[in-house]
N, C-alpha and C. Protein backbone atom coordinates (compact mmCIF):
# COMPACT_ATOMS: atom_id res chain seq x y z
N MET A 1 7.09 25.60 51.53
CA MET A 1 6.83 25.86 50.14
C MET A 1 7.94 25.21 49.31
N LYS A 2 7.55 24.51 48.28
CA LYS A 2 8.51 23.87 47.39
C LYS A 2 8.60 24.67 46.10
N LEU A 3 9.81 25.03 45.74
CA LEU A 3 10.03 25.82 44.52
C LEU A 3 10.52 24.91 43.39
N LYS A 4 10.13 25.27 42.21
CA LYS A 4 10.53 24.52 41.04
C LYS A 4 11.37 25.44 40.15
N LYS A 5 12.44 24.90 39.58
CA LYS A 5 13.29 25.69 38.70
C LYS A 5 12.51 26.09 37.45
N TRP A 6 12.59 27.36 37.08
CA TRP A 6 11.89 27.89 35.91
C TRP A 6 12.48 27.30 34.64
N ASP A 7 11.63 26.84 33.76
CA ASP A 7 12.06 26.32 32.46
C ASP A 7 11.17 26.93 31.39
N SER A 8 11.71 27.86 30.65
CA SER A 8 10.94 28.55 29.61
C SER A 8 10.37 27.58 28.59
N ALA A 9 11.05 26.47 28.34
CA ALA A 9 10.60 25.51 27.34
C ALA A 9 9.20 24.98 27.65
N GLU A 10 8.83 24.92 28.92
CA GLU A 10 7.52 24.41 29.31
C GLU A 10 6.39 25.33 28.86
N TYR A 11 6.70 26.59 28.56
CA TYR A 11 5.68 27.57 28.23
C TYR A 11 5.63 27.91 26.75
N LEU A 12 6.49 27.29 25.97
CA LEU A 12 6.51 27.53 24.53
C LEU A 12 5.71 26.41 23.87
N LYS A 13 4.46 26.67 23.60
CA LYS A 13 3.55 25.64 23.11
C LYS A 13 3.35 25.69 21.59
N THR A 14 3.41 26.86 21.01
CA THR A 14 3.11 27.01 19.59
C THR A 14 4.32 27.56 18.85
N ASP A 15 4.29 27.44 17.52
CA ASP A 15 5.35 28.04 16.71
C ASP A 15 5.43 29.55 16.94
N GLU A 16 4.29 30.18 17.11
CA GLU A 16 4.25 31.62 17.36
C GLU A 16 4.92 31.96 18.69
N ASP A 17 4.66 31.16 19.73
CA ASP A 17 5.33 31.36 21.03
C ASP A 17 6.85 31.31 20.86
N MET A 18 7.30 30.32 20.10
CA MET A 18 8.74 30.12 19.91
C MET A 18 9.35 31.25 19.11
N ARG A 19 8.64 31.70 18.09
CA ARG A 19 9.14 32.81 17.27
C ARG A 19 9.26 34.08 18.11
N LEU A 20 8.24 34.37 18.89
CA LEU A 20 8.27 35.57 19.73
C LEU A 20 9.36 35.47 20.80
N TYR A 21 9.55 34.29 21.35
CA TYR A 21 10.60 34.07 22.35
C TYR A 21 11.97 34.35 21.73
N LEU A 22 12.21 33.80 20.53
CA LEU A 22 13.50 34.02 19.87
C LEU A 22 13.69 35.50 19.51
N GLU A 23 12.65 36.16 19.07
CA GLU A 23 12.75 37.60 18.77
C GLU A 23 13.17 38.37 20.02
N ALA A 24 12.53 38.07 21.14
CA ALA A 24 12.87 38.76 22.39
C ALA A 24 14.31 38.47 22.80
N CYS A 25 14.74 37.24 22.61
CA CYS A 25 16.11 36.87 22.97
C CYS A 25 17.13 37.59 22.08
N PHE A 26 16.83 37.71 20.79
CA PHE A 26 17.74 38.45 19.91
C PHE A 26 17.84 39.91 20.32
N GLU A 27 16.74 40.49 20.76
CA GLU A 27 16.77 41.88 21.22
C GLU A 27 17.60 42.03 22.49
N GLU A 28 17.51 41.07 23.39
CA GLU A 28 18.23 41.12 24.66
C GLU A 28 19.71 40.74 24.54
N ALA A 29 20.05 39.91 23.57
CA ALA A 29 21.37 39.30 23.50
C ALA A 29 22.50 40.27 23.21
N GLU A 30 22.21 41.32 22.47
CA GLU A 30 23.23 42.23 21.99
C GLU A 30 24.31 41.43 21.26
N ASP A 31 25.53 41.38 21.77
CA ASP A 31 26.63 40.66 21.10
C ASP A 31 27.00 39.37 21.82
N ASN A 32 26.04 38.73 22.44
CA ASN A 32 26.32 37.54 23.25
C ASN A 32 25.83 36.27 22.53
N PRO A 33 26.71 35.60 21.79
CA PRO A 33 26.28 34.41 21.06
C PRO A 33 25.84 33.26 21.97
N ALA A 34 26.38 33.18 23.18
CA ALA A 34 25.98 32.11 24.10
C ALA A 34 24.51 32.27 24.50
N PHE A 35 24.06 33.51 24.61
CA PHE A 35 22.66 33.79 24.95
C PHE A 35 21.74 33.25 23.85
N ILE A 36 22.12 33.47 22.59
CA ILE A 36 21.33 32.98 21.46
C ILE A 36 21.39 31.46 21.39
N ALA A 37 22.54 30.88 21.64
CA ALA A 37 22.66 29.42 21.64
C ALA A 37 21.72 28.82 22.68
N LYS A 38 21.69 29.42 23.86
CA LYS A 38 20.81 28.92 24.90
C LYS A 38 19.35 29.08 24.51
N ALA A 39 19.00 30.20 23.88
CA ALA A 39 17.62 30.41 23.42
C ALA A 39 17.22 29.35 22.39
N LEU A 40 18.13 29.03 21.47
CA LEU A 40 17.86 27.96 20.50
C LEU A 40 17.69 26.63 21.22
N GLY A 41 18.45 26.42 22.27
CA GLY A 41 18.32 25.20 23.06
C GLY A 41 16.97 25.10 23.76
N VAL A 42 16.49 26.22 24.26
CA VAL A 42 15.17 26.24 24.90
C VAL A 42 14.09 25.87 23.89
N VAL A 43 14.16 26.47 22.71
CA VAL A 43 13.18 26.16 21.66
C VAL A 43 13.30 24.70 21.24
N ALA A 44 14.53 24.22 21.12
CA ALA A 44 14.74 22.81 20.74
C ALA A 44 14.13 21.86 21.77
N ARG A 45 14.31 22.17 23.06
CA ARG A 45 13.72 21.33 24.10
C ARG A 45 12.20 21.40 24.07
N ALA A 46 11.66 22.58 23.76
CA ALA A 46 10.21 22.74 23.71
C ALA A 46 9.60 21.88 22.60
N ARG A 47 10.33 21.72 21.51
CA ARG A 47 9.81 20.96 20.37
C ARG A 47 10.25 19.50 20.39
N GLY A 48 11.29 19.20 21.16
CA GLY A 48 11.77 17.83 21.26
C GLY A 48 13.18 17.68 20.73
N MET A 49 14.11 17.47 21.64
CA MET A 49 15.52 17.38 21.27
C MET A 49 15.82 16.12 20.46
N SER A 50 15.14 15.03 20.75
CA SER A 50 15.37 13.80 19.98
C SER A 50 14.97 13.98 18.53
N GLU A 51 13.83 14.63 18.32
CA GLU A 51 13.38 14.91 16.96
C GLU A 51 14.39 15.81 16.23
N LEU A 52 14.89 16.82 16.92
CA LEU A 52 15.87 17.71 16.33
C LEU A 52 17.14 16.95 15.97
N ALA A 53 17.56 16.05 16.82
CA ALA A 53 18.76 15.25 16.54
C ALA A 53 18.57 14.45 15.25
N ARG A 54 17.40 13.85 15.08
CA ARG A 54 17.13 13.10 13.85
C ARG A 54 17.13 14.03 12.63
N GLU A 55 16.50 15.19 12.76
CA GLU A 55 16.39 16.12 11.63
C GLU A 55 17.74 16.69 11.20
N THR A 56 18.63 16.89 12.17
CA THR A 56 19.92 17.53 11.86
C THR A 56 21.03 16.52 11.61
N GLY A 57 20.84 15.29 12.05
CA GLY A 57 21.90 14.29 11.94
C GLY A 57 22.96 14.46 13.02
N LEU A 58 22.68 15.28 14.03
CA LEU A 58 23.61 15.50 15.14
C LEU A 58 23.15 14.67 16.34
N GLY A 59 24.09 14.34 17.21
CA GLY A 59 23.74 13.59 18.40
C GLY A 59 22.97 14.43 19.39
N ARG A 60 22.01 13.80 20.08
CA ARG A 60 21.19 14.51 21.06
C ARG A 60 22.04 15.12 22.16
N GLU A 61 22.99 14.34 22.68
CA GLU A 61 23.86 14.85 23.75
C GLU A 61 24.70 16.02 23.26
N SER A 62 25.16 15.92 22.03
CA SER A 62 25.94 17.00 21.43
C SER A 62 25.11 18.27 21.31
N LEU A 63 23.85 18.11 20.94
CA LEU A 63 22.96 19.27 20.83
C LEU A 63 22.73 19.92 22.19
N TYR A 64 22.49 19.08 23.21
CA TYR A 64 22.32 19.63 24.55
C TYR A 64 23.54 20.47 24.96
N LYS A 65 24.73 19.94 24.71
CA LYS A 65 25.95 20.67 25.07
C LYS A 65 26.10 21.94 24.24
N SER A 66 25.91 21.82 22.94
CA SER A 66 26.09 22.97 22.05
C SER A 66 25.11 24.09 22.34
N LEU A 67 23.89 23.73 22.73
CA LEU A 67 22.84 24.72 22.92
C LEU A 67 22.55 25.03 24.38
N SER A 68 23.53 24.76 25.23
CA SER A 68 23.35 24.99 26.67
C SER A 68 23.59 26.44 27.08
N GLY A 69 24.27 27.19 26.23
CA GLY A 69 24.65 28.55 26.59
C GLY A 69 26.00 28.61 27.28
N GLU A 70 26.57 27.45 27.54
CA GLU A 70 27.88 27.38 28.19
C GLU A 70 29.00 27.18 27.19
N ASN A 71 28.66 26.81 25.98
CA ASN A 71 29.64 26.58 24.92
C ASN A 71 29.29 27.43 23.72
N ASN A 72 30.24 27.59 22.83
CA ASN A 72 29.97 28.27 21.57
C ASN A 72 29.80 27.21 20.49
N PRO A 73 28.55 27.00 20.05
CA PRO A 73 28.37 26.00 19.00
C PRO A 73 28.97 26.49 17.70
N SER A 74 29.33 25.55 16.85
CA SER A 74 29.84 25.95 15.54
C SER A 74 28.72 26.58 14.74
N PHE A 75 29.09 27.39 13.78
CA PHE A 75 28.09 28.03 12.93
C PHE A 75 27.31 26.97 12.16
N GLY A 76 27.97 25.88 11.79
CA GLY A 76 27.31 24.78 11.10
C GLY A 76 26.20 24.18 11.94
N THR A 77 26.44 24.03 13.24
CA THR A 77 25.42 23.50 14.13
C THR A 77 24.23 24.45 14.21
N VAL A 78 24.52 25.74 14.34
CA VAL A 78 23.45 26.74 14.40
C VAL A 78 22.62 26.71 13.11
N LEU A 79 23.28 26.61 11.97
CA LEU A 79 22.55 26.55 10.70
C LEU A 79 21.67 25.30 10.63
N LYS A 80 22.19 24.17 11.02
CA LYS A 80 21.40 22.93 10.97
C LYS A 80 20.17 23.04 11.88
N VAL A 81 20.36 23.60 13.06
CA VAL A 81 19.25 23.74 14.00
C VAL A 81 18.20 24.70 13.45
N THR A 82 18.63 25.85 12.96
CA THR A 82 17.66 26.82 12.46
C THR A 82 16.94 26.31 11.21
N ARG A 83 17.63 25.59 10.35
CA ARG A 83 16.97 25.01 9.18
C ARG A 83 15.95 23.96 9.59
N ALA A 84 16.32 23.13 10.53
CA ALA A 84 15.42 22.07 10.98
C ALA A 84 14.17 22.65 11.64
N ARG A 85 14.31 23.77 12.30
CA ARG A 85 13.20 24.39 13.01
C ARG A 85 12.44 25.44 12.19
N GLY A 86 12.96 25.72 11.01
CA GLY A 86 12.26 26.67 10.14
C GLY A 86 12.42 28.07 10.61
């Protein structure tokens, strides 16, 4: 049997899916900003990271790093991402 790594981004097809996913993540995150950053990254990948890079004026690689859940993105980055995604 061959297993594939789970990627939530593959299952977020509509804006409603993404909104509900983010709502659930905010409920689960408590005080963990890295969890929210990663959730934003999942939504960004679902909609297209290259498009987000163009919309925000940030580099695609920088967005991947910032929204990986392993780093703390600046508040400015979070604002740009949320504005671009509505």
